[in-house]
Amino acid sequence: MNNVRVGSHGEIVIKKKLRERFGIKPGQEVIEFDAGDHIAIIPLSSDPIEFLCGKYSWEETTNQLKKRAEELALEEVKKRR
């Protein structure tokens, strides 16, 4: 476990080792999730359509697929609590 410092604009730096482990790339979106007593940061797939390919009907819009990817990521965090 490492301490990180919050910058003047609220930014934090995720250590290289963790970025590599979780495949977080520069500019990639993450979810910041209020988990009650802590904050969880969940990397989103850079291509939510590819991530969800075969899991859902293609009648859904890209925004709907992205929202579902976010929901799946949040469900994973809740399972690990």
N, C-alpha and C. Protein backbone atom coordinates (compact mmCIF):
# COMPACT_ATOMS: atom_id res chain seq x y z
N MET A 1 0.85 -1.16 0.00
CA MET A 1 0.00 0.00 0.00
C MET A 1 0.90 1.23 0.00
N ASN A 2 0.56 2.19 -0.85
CA ASN A 2 1.32 3.43 -0.93
C ASN A 2 0.40 4.61 -0.67
N ASN A 3 0.95 5.62 -0.03
CA ASN A 3 0.21 6.87 0.14
C ASN A 3 0.36 7.69 -1.13
N VAL A 4 -0.69 8.41 -1.48
CA VAL A 4 -0.63 9.36 -2.59
C VAL A 4 -1.09 10.70 -2.09
N ARG A 5 -0.60 11.75 -2.71
CA ARG A 5 -0.97 13.10 -2.31
C ARG A 5 -1.98 13.65 -3.33
N VAL A 6 -3.00 14.33 -2.83
CA VAL A 6 -4.00 14.95 -3.69
C VAL A 6 -3.49 16.33 -4.08
N GLY A 7 -3.48 16.61 -5.39
CA GLY A 7 -3.01 17.90 -5.89
C GLY A 7 -4.02 19.01 -5.65
N SER A 8 -3.63 20.22 -5.96
CA SER A 8 -4.47 21.39 -5.70
C SER A 8 -5.77 21.38 -6.50
N HIS A 9 -5.82 20.62 -7.59
CA HIS A 9 -7.05 20.52 -8.40
C HIS A 9 -7.75 19.19 -8.18
N GLY A 10 -7.38 18.46 -7.13
CA GLY A 10 -8.02 17.20 -6.81
C GLY A 10 -7.44 16.00 -7.53
N GLU A 11 -6.37 16.19 -8.29
CA GLU A 11 -5.81 15.07 -9.04
C GLU A 11 -4.94 14.18 -8.15
N ILE A 12 -4.90 12.90 -8.51
CA ILE A 12 -4.01 11.95 -7.84
C ILE A 12 -3.23 11.22 -8.94
N VAL A 13 -2.11 10.67 -8.56
CA VAL A 13 -1.30 9.90 -9.50
C VAL A 13 -1.38 8.43 -9.08
N ILE A 14 -1.77 7.59 -10.03
CA ILE A 14 -1.80 6.14 -9.80
C ILE A 14 -0.41 5.62 -10.16
N LYS A 15 0.21 4.94 -9.24
CA LYS A 15 1.57 4.43 -9.44
C LYS A 15 1.65 3.56 -10.69
N LYS A 16 2.81 3.61 -11.36
CA LYS A 16 3.04 2.88 -12.61
C LYS A 16 2.74 1.39 -12.47
N LYS A 17 3.17 0.81 -11.37
CA LYS A 17 2.96 -0.63 -11.14
C LYS A 17 1.46 -0.98 -11.19
N LEU A 18 0.63 -0.15 -10.57
CA LEU A 18 -0.82 -0.40 -10.57
C LEU A 18 -1.43 -0.11 -11.94
N ARG A 19 -0.97 0.96 -12.60
CA ARG A 19 -1.48 1.25 -13.95
C ARG A 19 -1.20 0.09 -14.89
N GLU A 20 0.01 -0.46 -14.80
CA GLU A 20 0.36 -1.59 -15.65
C GLU A 20 -0.47 -2.83 -15.29
N ARG A 21 -0.61 -3.09 -14.01
CA ARG A 21 -1.37 -4.27 -13.56
C ARG A 21 -2.82 -4.25 -14.04
N PHE A 22 -3.43 -3.04 -14.00
CA PHE A 22 -4.84 -2.93 -14.36
C PHE A 22 -5.05 -2.40 -15.78
N GLY A 23 -3.95 -2.23 -16.52
CA GLY A 23 -4.06 -1.81 -17.92
C GLY A 23 -4.61 -0.42 -18.12
N ILE A 24 -4.32 0.48 -17.19
CA ILE A 24 -4.81 1.85 -17.28
C ILE A 24 -3.85 2.66 -18.16
N LYS A 25 -4.38 3.23 -19.23
CA LYS A 25 -3.60 4.01 -20.20
C LYS A 25 -3.87 5.50 -20.02
N PRO A 26 -2.93 6.37 -20.43
CA PRO A 26 -3.17 7.81 -20.36
C PRO A 26 -4.43 8.20 -21.13
N GLY A 27 -5.26 9.02 -20.52
CA GLY A 27 -6.50 9.47 -21.14
C GLY A 27 -7.67 8.52 -21.00
N GLN A 28 -7.44 7.33 -20.47
CA GLN A 28 -8.51 6.35 -20.30
C GLN A 28 -9.46 6.83 -19.20
N GLU A 29 -10.74 6.57 -19.38
CA GLU A 29 -11.72 6.93 -18.36
C GLU A 29 -11.76 5.88 -17.26
N VAL A 30 -12.00 6.34 -16.05
CA VAL A 30 -12.21 5.47 -14.90
C VAL A 30 -13.47 5.94 -14.20
N ILE A 31 -14.04 5.06 -13.39
CA ILE A 31 -15.18 5.43 -12.57
C ILE A 31 -14.65 5.72 -11.17
N GLU A 32 -15.07 6.83 -10.60
CA GLU A 32 -14.80 7.08 -9.18
C GLU A 32 -16.10 6.75 -8.45
N PHE A 33 -16.02 5.82 -7.54
CA PHE A 33 -17.21 5.26 -6.91
C PHE A 33 -17.16 5.47 -5.41
N ASP A 34 -18.20 6.10 -4.87
CA ASP A 34 -18.31 6.30 -3.43
C ASP A 34 -18.78 4.98 -2.82
N ALA A 35 -17.86 4.28 -2.17
CA ALA A 35 -18.18 2.98 -1.60
C ALA A 35 -18.49 3.08 -0.10
N GLY A 36 -18.96 4.24 0.32
CA GLY A 36 -19.35 4.41 1.72
C GLY A 36 -18.20 4.90 2.58
N ASP A 37 -17.29 3.99 2.91
CA ASP A 37 -16.17 4.36 3.78
C ASP A 37 -14.86 4.53 3.01
N HIS A 38 -14.91 4.40 1.69
CA HIS A 38 -13.72 4.61 0.87
C HIS A 38 -14.14 4.95 -0.56
N ILE A 39 -13.17 5.35 -1.37
CA ILE A 39 -13.41 5.65 -2.78
C ILE A 39 -12.78 4.53 -3.60
N ALA A 40 -13.52 4.01 -4.55
CA ALA A 40 -12.98 3.00 -5.47
C ALA A 40 -12.79 3.65 -6.84
N ILE A 41 -11.69 3.34 -7.48
CA ILE A 41 -11.42 3.82 -8.83
C ILE A 41 -11.40 2.59 -9.73
N ILE A 42 -12.30 2.57 -10.71
CA ILE A 42 -12.47 1.39 -11.55
C ILE A 42 -12.15 1.75 -12.99
N PRO A 43 -11.16 1.11 -13.59
CA PRO A 43 -10.86 1.40 -14.99
C PRO A 43 -11.99 0.92 -15.90
N LEU A 44 -12.35 1.76 -16.86
CA LEU A 44 -13.33 1.36 -17.86
C LEU A 44 -12.60 0.84 -19.08
N SER A 45 -13.21 -0.07 -19.77
CA SER A 45 -12.62 -0.56 -21.01
C SER A 45 -12.53 0.61 -21.99
N SER A 46 -11.42 0.70 -22.71
CA SER A 46 -11.29 1.76 -23.70
C SER A 46 -12.24 1.53 -24.86
N ASP A 47 -12.71 0.31 -25.01
CA ASP A 47 -13.68 -0.01 -26.06
C ASP A 47 -14.81 -0.82 -25.45
N PRO A 48 -15.83 -0.12 -24.89
CA PRO A 48 -16.91 -0.84 -24.22
C PRO A 48 -17.69 -1.75 -25.14
N ILE A 49 -17.71 -1.45 -26.43
CA ILE A 49 -18.42 -2.31 -27.36
C ILE A 49 -17.71 -3.65 -27.46
N GLU A 50 -16.38 -3.61 -27.58
CA GLU A 50 -15.60 -4.85 -27.64
C GLU A 50 -15.77 -5.64 -26.34
N PHE A 51 -15.73 -4.95 -25.19
CA PHE A 51 -15.88 -5.58 -23.89
C PHE A 51 -17.22 -6.32 -23.79
N LEU A 52 -18.27 -5.71 -24.32
CA LEU A 52 -19.61 -6.28 -24.19
C LEU A 52 -20.01 -7.15 -25.37
N CYS A 53 -19.13 -7.29 -26.35
CA CYS A 53 -19.44 -8.05 -27.56
C CYS A 53 -19.95 -9.45 -27.20
N GLY A 54 -21.12 -9.78 -27.71
CA GLY A 54 -21.69 -11.09 -27.48
C GLY A 54 -22.48 -11.21 -26.19
N LYS A 55 -22.42 -10.20 -25.33
CA LYS A 55 -23.12 -10.28 -24.06
C LYS A 55 -24.54 -9.70 -24.13
N TYR A 56 -24.75 -8.78 -25.07
CA TYR A 56 -26.04 -8.08 -25.13
C TYR A 56 -26.46 -7.89 -26.58
N SER A 57 -27.71 -7.55 -26.75
CA SER A 57 -28.27 -7.29 -28.07
C SER A 57 -27.59 -6.06 -28.69
N TRP A 58 -27.30 -6.14 -29.98
CA TRP A 58 -26.69 -4.99 -30.67
C TRP A 58 -27.73 -3.91 -30.99
N GLU A 59 -28.96 -4.10 -30.55
CA GLU A 59 -29.97 -3.08 -30.72
C GLU A 59 -29.73 -1.91 -29.77
N GLU A 60 -28.86 -2.11 -28.79
CA GLU A 60 -28.55 -1.05 -27.84
C GLU A 60 -27.61 -0.03 -28.50
N THR A 61 -27.76 1.23 -28.07
CA THR A 61 -26.88 2.27 -28.59
C THR A 61 -25.52 2.18 -27.91
N THR A 62 -24.54 2.86 -28.48
CA THR A 62 -23.20 2.89 -27.89
C THR A 62 -23.26 3.45 -26.48
N ASN A 63 -24.03 4.50 -26.25
CA ASN A 63 -24.15 5.08 -24.91
C ASN A 63 -24.76 4.08 -23.94
N GLN A 64 -25.72 3.30 -24.38
CA GLN A 64 -26.32 2.29 -23.51
C GLN A 64 -25.29 1.21 -23.17
N LEU A 65 -24.49 0.81 -24.17
CA LEU A 65 -23.46 -0.19 -23.91
C LEU A 65 -22.40 0.34 -22.94
N LYS A 66 -22.02 1.61 -23.10
CA LYS A 66 -21.04 2.21 -22.19
C LYS A 66 -21.60 2.25 -20.77
N LYS A 67 -22.87 2.65 -20.64
CA LYS A 67 -23.50 2.70 -19.31
C LYS A 67 -23.52 1.30 -18.69
N ARG A 68 -23.83 0.29 -19.49
CA ARG A 68 -23.86 -1.09 -18.97
C ARG A 68 -22.47 -1.53 -18.53
N ALA A 69 -21.43 -1.14 -19.27
CA ALA A 69 -20.06 -1.47 -18.88
C ALA A 69 -19.74 -0.84 -17.53
N GLU A 70 -20.17 0.40 -17.33
CA GLU A 70 -19.96 1.07 -16.05
C GLU A 70 -20.69 0.34 -14.94
N GLU A 71 -21.92 -0.08 -15.20
CA GLU A 71 -22.70 -0.81 -14.20
C GLU A 71 -22.03 -2.13 -13.83
N LEU A 72 -21.51 -2.84 -14.83
CA LEU A 72 -20.82 -4.10 -14.56
C LEU A 72 -19.58 -3.88 -13.70
N ALA A 73 -18.85 -2.80 -13.97
CA ALA A 73 -17.66 -2.49 -13.18
C ALA A 73 -18.05 -2.19 -11.73
N LEU A 74 -19.12 -1.45 -11.52
CA LEU A 74 -19.59 -1.15 -10.17
C LEU A 74 -20.03 -2.41 -9.44
N GLU A 75 -20.69 -3.31 -10.17
CA GLU A 75 -21.11 -4.58 -9.56
C GLU A 75 -19.91 -5.37 -9.08
N GLU A 76 -18.82 -5.36 -9.86
CA GLU A 76 -17.60 -6.07 -9.47
C GLU A 76 -17.03 -5.51 -8.18
N VAL A 77 -17.04 -4.17 -8.04
CA VAL A 77 -16.52 -3.55 -6.82
C VAL A 77 -17.37 -3.96 -5.62
N LYS A 78 -18.68 -3.95 -5.79
CA LYS A 78 -19.56 -4.31 -4.68
C LYS A 78 -19.36 -5.76 -4.26
N LYS A 79 -19.08 -6.65 -5.22
CA LYS A 79 -18.85 -8.06 -4.90
C LYS A 79 -17.58 -8.23 -4.05
N ARG A 80 -16.59 -7.39 -4.30
CA ARG A 80 -15.29 -7.51 -3.62
C ARG A 80 -15.28 -6.89 -2.24
N ARG A 81 -16.33 -6.20 -1.86
CA ARG A 81 -16.39 -5.53 -0.56
C ARG A 81 -16.61 -6.50 0.55
